[in-house]
Amino acid sequence: MIDLTNIRKRNAAEIAQRIVQDIPDGAHVNLGIGQPMTISNYLPPDREILLHSENGLLGMGPLAEGDQIDYDIVNAGKQAVTMLPGASIFHHADSFAMIRGGHIDICVLGAFQVSVKGDIANWRTGDPKAIPAVGGAMDLALGAKKLFVMMEHLTKSGQSKIVQECTYPLTALAAVNCIYTDLATIEVTPDGLVAIDWVDGLSFSDLCELSGVPMKEKK
């Protein structure tokens, strides 16, 4: 068993900043509920990234603070947010028309499991205490041109969330393009998983062992 005690994992802010590096200028990006919503706080001021919220907002800015807070302006997780210059508010149905019409370039979702083929399970684990909530995840996973997953690499019990086959109910098949975790950035390709980068102090062989699935190292 690999000891991660002395390995500094990426926090949510660092994962968010890593994801932003891979978002091109001018992209329309939907942020899923949970960790992905932190991305709105790390938009570079010298780049144009248009954040979309499924409840009907395009041009979302950072989370609102203090006098900025207006609970009529919220993200999909009901957190108060700011609006950047040029932002627009529209009907929920129009928002889903954008999603289903293929107008979202990238969606960032959380996940319980991602398979080596890019299958994603993110709405139910079978825990009787948890309330299953699909929300718009299925529409987003299939409607966006690219799907990024932001999640912790391991469960609380130390099991890899990157798996050979998903055992939880699926959200979408072969939809994930890239996985961003607190330990690594991993691309999903037709030839399998490719590790792009990983945290200091963790070797590639350690990453493979922790993940428990076949993986190649990006050359």
Protein backbone atom coordinates (compact mmCIF):
# COMPACT_ATOMS: atom_id res chain seq x y z
CA MET A 1 0.00 0.00 0.00
CA ILE A 2 1.40 3.40 -1.00
CA ASP A 3 1.75 5.89 1.85
CA LEU A 4 0.31 9.26 0.80
CA THR A 5 0.90 10.91 4.17
CA ASN A 6 3.80 13.06 2.99
CA ILE A 7 2.50 13.69 -0.52
CA ARG A 8 0.85 17.07 -0.95
CA LYS A 9 -2.34 16.58 -2.92
CA ARG A 10 -3.86 19.33 -5.02
CA ASN A 11 -6.65 21.16 -3.25
CA ALA A 12 -9.87 22.13 -5.05
CA ALA A 13 -8.44 25.53 -6.00
CA GLU A 14 -5.35 23.96 -7.58
CA ILE A 15 -7.41 21.43 -9.52
CA ALA A 16 -9.64 24.26 -10.75
CA GLN A 17 -6.62 26.28 -11.89
CA ARG A 18 -5.22 23.22 -13.68
CA ILE A 19 -8.50 22.77 -15.54
CA VAL A 20 -8.55 26.44 -16.59
CA GLN A 21 -5.17 25.88 -18.28
CA ASP A 22 -6.89 23.50 -20.71
CA ILE A 23 -9.86 25.75 -21.53
CA PRO A 24 -9.30 27.74 -24.74
CA ASP A 25 -10.17 31.40 -25.14
CA GLY A 26 -13.76 32.01 -26.19
CA ALA A 27 -15.01 28.66 -24.88
CA HIS A 28 -18.53 28.27 -23.51
CA VAL A 29 -18.14 26.19 -20.36
CA ASN A 30 -20.77 24.65 -18.11
CA LEU A 31 -19.84 24.00 -14.48
CA GLY A 32 -21.49 21.11 -12.67
CA ILE A 33 -22.60 21.15 -9.04
CA GLY A 34 -19.92 20.61 -6.39
CA GLN A 35 -16.18 21.08 -6.88
CA PRO A 36 -16.50 22.29 -10.52
CA MET A 37 -18.29 25.44 -9.36
CA THR A 38 -15.04 26.65 -7.76
CA ILE A 39 -13.65 27.20 -11.28
CA SER A 40 -15.58 30.47 -11.57
CA ASN A 41 -13.20 31.98 -8.99
CA TYR A 42 -10.11 31.33 -11.11
CA LEU A 43 -10.86 32.85 -14.50
CA PRO A 44 -7.77 34.68 -15.82
CA PRO A 45 -8.57 38.39 -16.32
CA ASP A 46 -6.68 38.45 -19.63
CA ARG A 47 -8.74 35.66 -21.20
CA GLU A 48 -12.37 35.30 -22.25
CA ILE A 49 -14.08 32.17 -20.91
CA LEU A 50 -17.88 32.25 -20.92
CA LEU A 51 -19.31 30.27 -18.03
CA HIS A 52 -22.76 28.78 -18.50
CA SER A 53 -25.11 27.67 -15.73
CA GLU A 54 -27.93 25.28 -16.57
CA ASN A 55 -30.46 27.33 -14.60
CA GLY A 56 -30.16 30.08 -17.24
CA LEU A 57 -27.04 32.23 -17.02
CA LEU A 58 -24.21 32.88 -19.48
CA GLY A 59 -21.27 35.04 -18.49
CA MET A 60 -21.07 33.92 -14.88
CA GLY A 61 -18.28 35.39 -12.77
CA PRO A 62 -16.78 34.48 -9.40
CA LEU A 63 -18.87 33.56 -6.38
CA ALA A 64 -20.50 36.65 -4.87
CA GLU A 65 -19.33 38.04 -1.54
CA GLY A 66 -20.67 40.65 0.87
CA ASP A 67 -22.71 43.35 -0.84
CA GLN A 68 -22.44 41.49 -4.16
CA ILE A 69 -24.75 38.72 -2.94
CA ASP A 70 -28.10 38.60 -4.71
CA TYR A 71 -29.92 35.28 -4.39
CA ASP A 72 -31.82 35.98 -7.60
CA ILE A 73 -28.47 35.46 -9.36
CA VAL A 74 -27.22 31.97 -8.54
CA ASN A 75 -25.40 29.07 -10.14
CA ALA A 76 -26.79 25.55 -10.53
CA GLY A 77 -25.82 24.80 -6.93
CA LYS A 78 -27.83 27.80 -5.68
CA GLN A 79 -24.70 29.71 -4.71
CA ALA A 80 -24.85 33.46 -5.25
CA VAL A 81 -22.59 34.47 -8.14
CA THR A 82 -21.52 37.60 -9.95
CA MET A 83 -22.13 38.43 -13.61
CA LEU A 84 -19.37 39.61 -15.92
CA PRO A 85 -19.94 42.48 -18.38
CA GLY A 86 -22.12 41.24 -21.25
CA ALA A 87 -23.67 38.40 -19.22
CA SER A 88 -27.23 37.31 -19.96
CA ILE A 89 -30.06 35.62 -18.08
CA PHE A 90 -32.62 33.45 -19.85
CA HIS A 91 -35.26 30.77 -19.39
CA HIS A 92 -34.31 27.34 -18.09
CA ALA A 93 -35.68 25.78 -21.29
CA ASP A 94 -33.43 28.00 -23.42
CA SER A 95 -30.48 26.93 -21.30
CA PHE A 96 -31.18 23.27 -22.03
CA ALA A 97 -31.68 24.08 -25.69
CA MET A 98 -28.08 25.35 -25.68
CA ILE A 99 -26.91 22.16 -23.98
CA ARG A 100 -28.88 19.73 -26.15
CA GLY A 101 -28.14 21.73 -29.29
CA GLY A 102 -24.38 21.22 -28.92
CA HIS A 103 -23.57 24.86 -28.12
CA ILE A 104 -21.52 24.13 -24.97
CA ASP A 105 -17.84 23.58 -25.72
CA ILE A 106 -16.82 22.04 -22.39
CA CYS A 107 -18.68 20.74 -19.38
CA VAL A 108 -16.92 20.09 -16.07
CA LEU A 109 -18.65 17.55 -13.83
CA GLY A 110 -17.85 15.75 -10.61
CA ALA A 111 -17.98 11.96 -10.57
CA PHE A 112 -18.15 8.91 -8.34
CA GLN A 113 -16.46 6.75 -10.98
CA VAL A 114 -14.87 7.11 -14.42
CA SER A 115 -13.96 4.04 -16.45
CA VAL A 116 -10.93 3.54 -18.71
CA LYS A 117 -13.31 3.94 -21.66
CA GLY A 118 -14.56 7.30 -20.43
CA ASP A 119 -17.86 6.09 -18.99
CA ILE A 120 -19.03 8.30 -16.14
CA ALA A 121 -21.17 7.56 -13.08
CA ASN A 122 -21.97 10.64 -11.05
CA TRP A 123 -25.53 10.58 -9.79
CA ARG A 124 -25.99 7.57 -7.52
CA THR A 125 -23.87 5.19 -5.42
CA GLY A 126 -26.68 3.10 -3.98
CA ASP A 127 -26.26 4.61 -0.53
CA PRO A 128 -29.77 4.41 1.00
CA LYS A 129 -29.09 7.62 2.94
CA ALA A 130 -28.27 9.62 -0.18
CA ILE A 131 -30.90 11.22 -2.40
CA PRO A 132 -30.30 10.23 -6.08
CA ALA A 133 -30.14 13.35 -8.22
CA VAL A 134 -29.50 13.14 -11.94
CA GLY A 135 -30.18 16.83 -12.52
CA GLY A 136 -28.90 17.91 -15.93
CA ALA A 137 -25.82 15.66 -15.85
CA MET A 138 -26.97 13.29 -18.58
CA ASP A 139 -27.84 16.14 -20.92
CA LEU A 140 -24.53 17.85 -20.20
CA ALA A 141 -22.38 14.73 -20.53
CA LEU A 142 -23.78 14.03 -23.99
CA GLY A 143 -24.53 17.57 -25.17
CA ALA A 144 -21.17 19.24 -24.49
CA LYS A 145 -18.45 18.91 -27.10
CA LYS A 146 -15.95 17.89 -24.41
CA LEU A 147 -16.42 16.54 -20.91
CA PHE A 148 -13.90 17.14 -18.14
CA VAL A 149 -14.22 15.43 -14.76
CA MET A 150 -13.03 17.06 -11.54
CA MET A 151 -12.86 14.71 -8.56
CA GLU A 152 -10.75 13.23 -5.79
CA HIS A 153 -8.65 10.32 -7.03
CA LEU A 154 -9.56 7.96 -4.21
CA THR A 155 -12.64 7.27 -2.11
CA LYS A 156 -12.53 7.80 1.66
CA SER A 157 -11.72 4.10 2.00
CA GLY A 158 -8.79 4.42 -0.42
CA GLN A 159 -10.38 2.85 -3.50
CA SER A 160 -9.66 4.33 -6.91
CA LYS A 161 -12.50 6.24 -8.55
CA ILE A 162 -10.91 5.45 -11.90
CA VAL A 163 -12.05 1.93 -12.71
CA GLN A 164 -12.03 -0.72 -15.40
CA GLU A 165 -15.84 -0.78 -15.47
CA CYS A 166 -18.23 1.48 -13.57
CA THR A 167 -20.23 -0.35 -10.92
CA TYR A 168 -22.54 2.56 -10.14
CA PRO A 169 -25.49 3.57 -12.37
CA LEU A 170 -24.12 5.27 -15.47
CA THR A 171 -24.60 8.87 -16.47
CA ALA A 172 -23.11 8.49 -19.96
CA LEU A 173 -20.99 6.07 -21.99
CA ALA A 174 -17.57 6.98 -23.43
CA ALA A 175 -18.15 10.68 -22.76
CA VAL A 176 -15.16 11.78 -20.64
CA ASN A 177 -12.19 13.42 -22.37
CA CYS A 178 -9.99 14.27 -19.39
CA ILE A 179 -9.91 13.53 -15.64
CA TYR A 180 -8.53 16.07 -13.16
CA THR A 181 -7.92 14.83 -9.64
CA ASP A 182 -6.05 15.81 -6.50
CA LEU A 183 -3.23 13.51 -7.67
CA ALA A 184 -3.06 13.73 -11.45
CA THR A 185 -4.35 14.87 -14.83
CA ILE A 186 -5.32 11.92 -17.01
CA GLU A 187 -6.49 12.00 -20.61
CA VAL A 188 -8.98 9.45 -21.91
CA THR A 189 -7.97 8.38 -25.42
CA PRO A 190 -9.12 5.65 -27.85
CA ASP A 191 -5.93 3.80 -26.89
CA GLY A 192 -6.56 4.03 -23.15
CA LEU A 193 -5.68 6.35 -20.30
CA VAL A 194 -2.67 8.66 -20.61
CA ALA A 195 -1.23 10.40 -17.54
CA ILE A 196 -0.31 13.98 -18.44
CA ASP A 197 0.97 15.17 -15.06
CA TRP A 198 0.88 14.19 -11.40
CA VAL A 199 1.78 15.71 -8.04
CA ASP A 200 5.34 16.01 -6.80
CA GLY A 201 6.55 13.10 -4.71
CA LEU A 202 4.34 10.60 -6.54
CA SER A 203 5.98 8.44 -9.19
CA PHE A 204 4.23 7.27 -12.33
CA SER A 205 4.37 3.67 -11.10
CA ASP A 206 2.79 4.78 -7.79
CA LEU A 207 0.03 6.55 -9.72
CA CYS A 208 -0.67 3.41 -11.73
CA GLU A 209 -0.77 1.30 -8.57
CA LEU A 210 -3.14 3.68 -6.83
CA SER A 211 -5.39 3.89 -9.89
CA GLY A 212 -5.50 0.13 -10.36
CA VAL A 213 -6.01 0.36 -14.13
CA PRO A 214 -3.70 0.29 -17.16
CA MET A 215 -2.22 3.68 -17.96
CA LYS A 216 0.44 5.16 -20.21
CA GLU A 217 2.75 8.08 -19.52
CA LYS A 218 2.53 11.05 -21.87
CA LYS A 219 5.83 11.40 -23.76
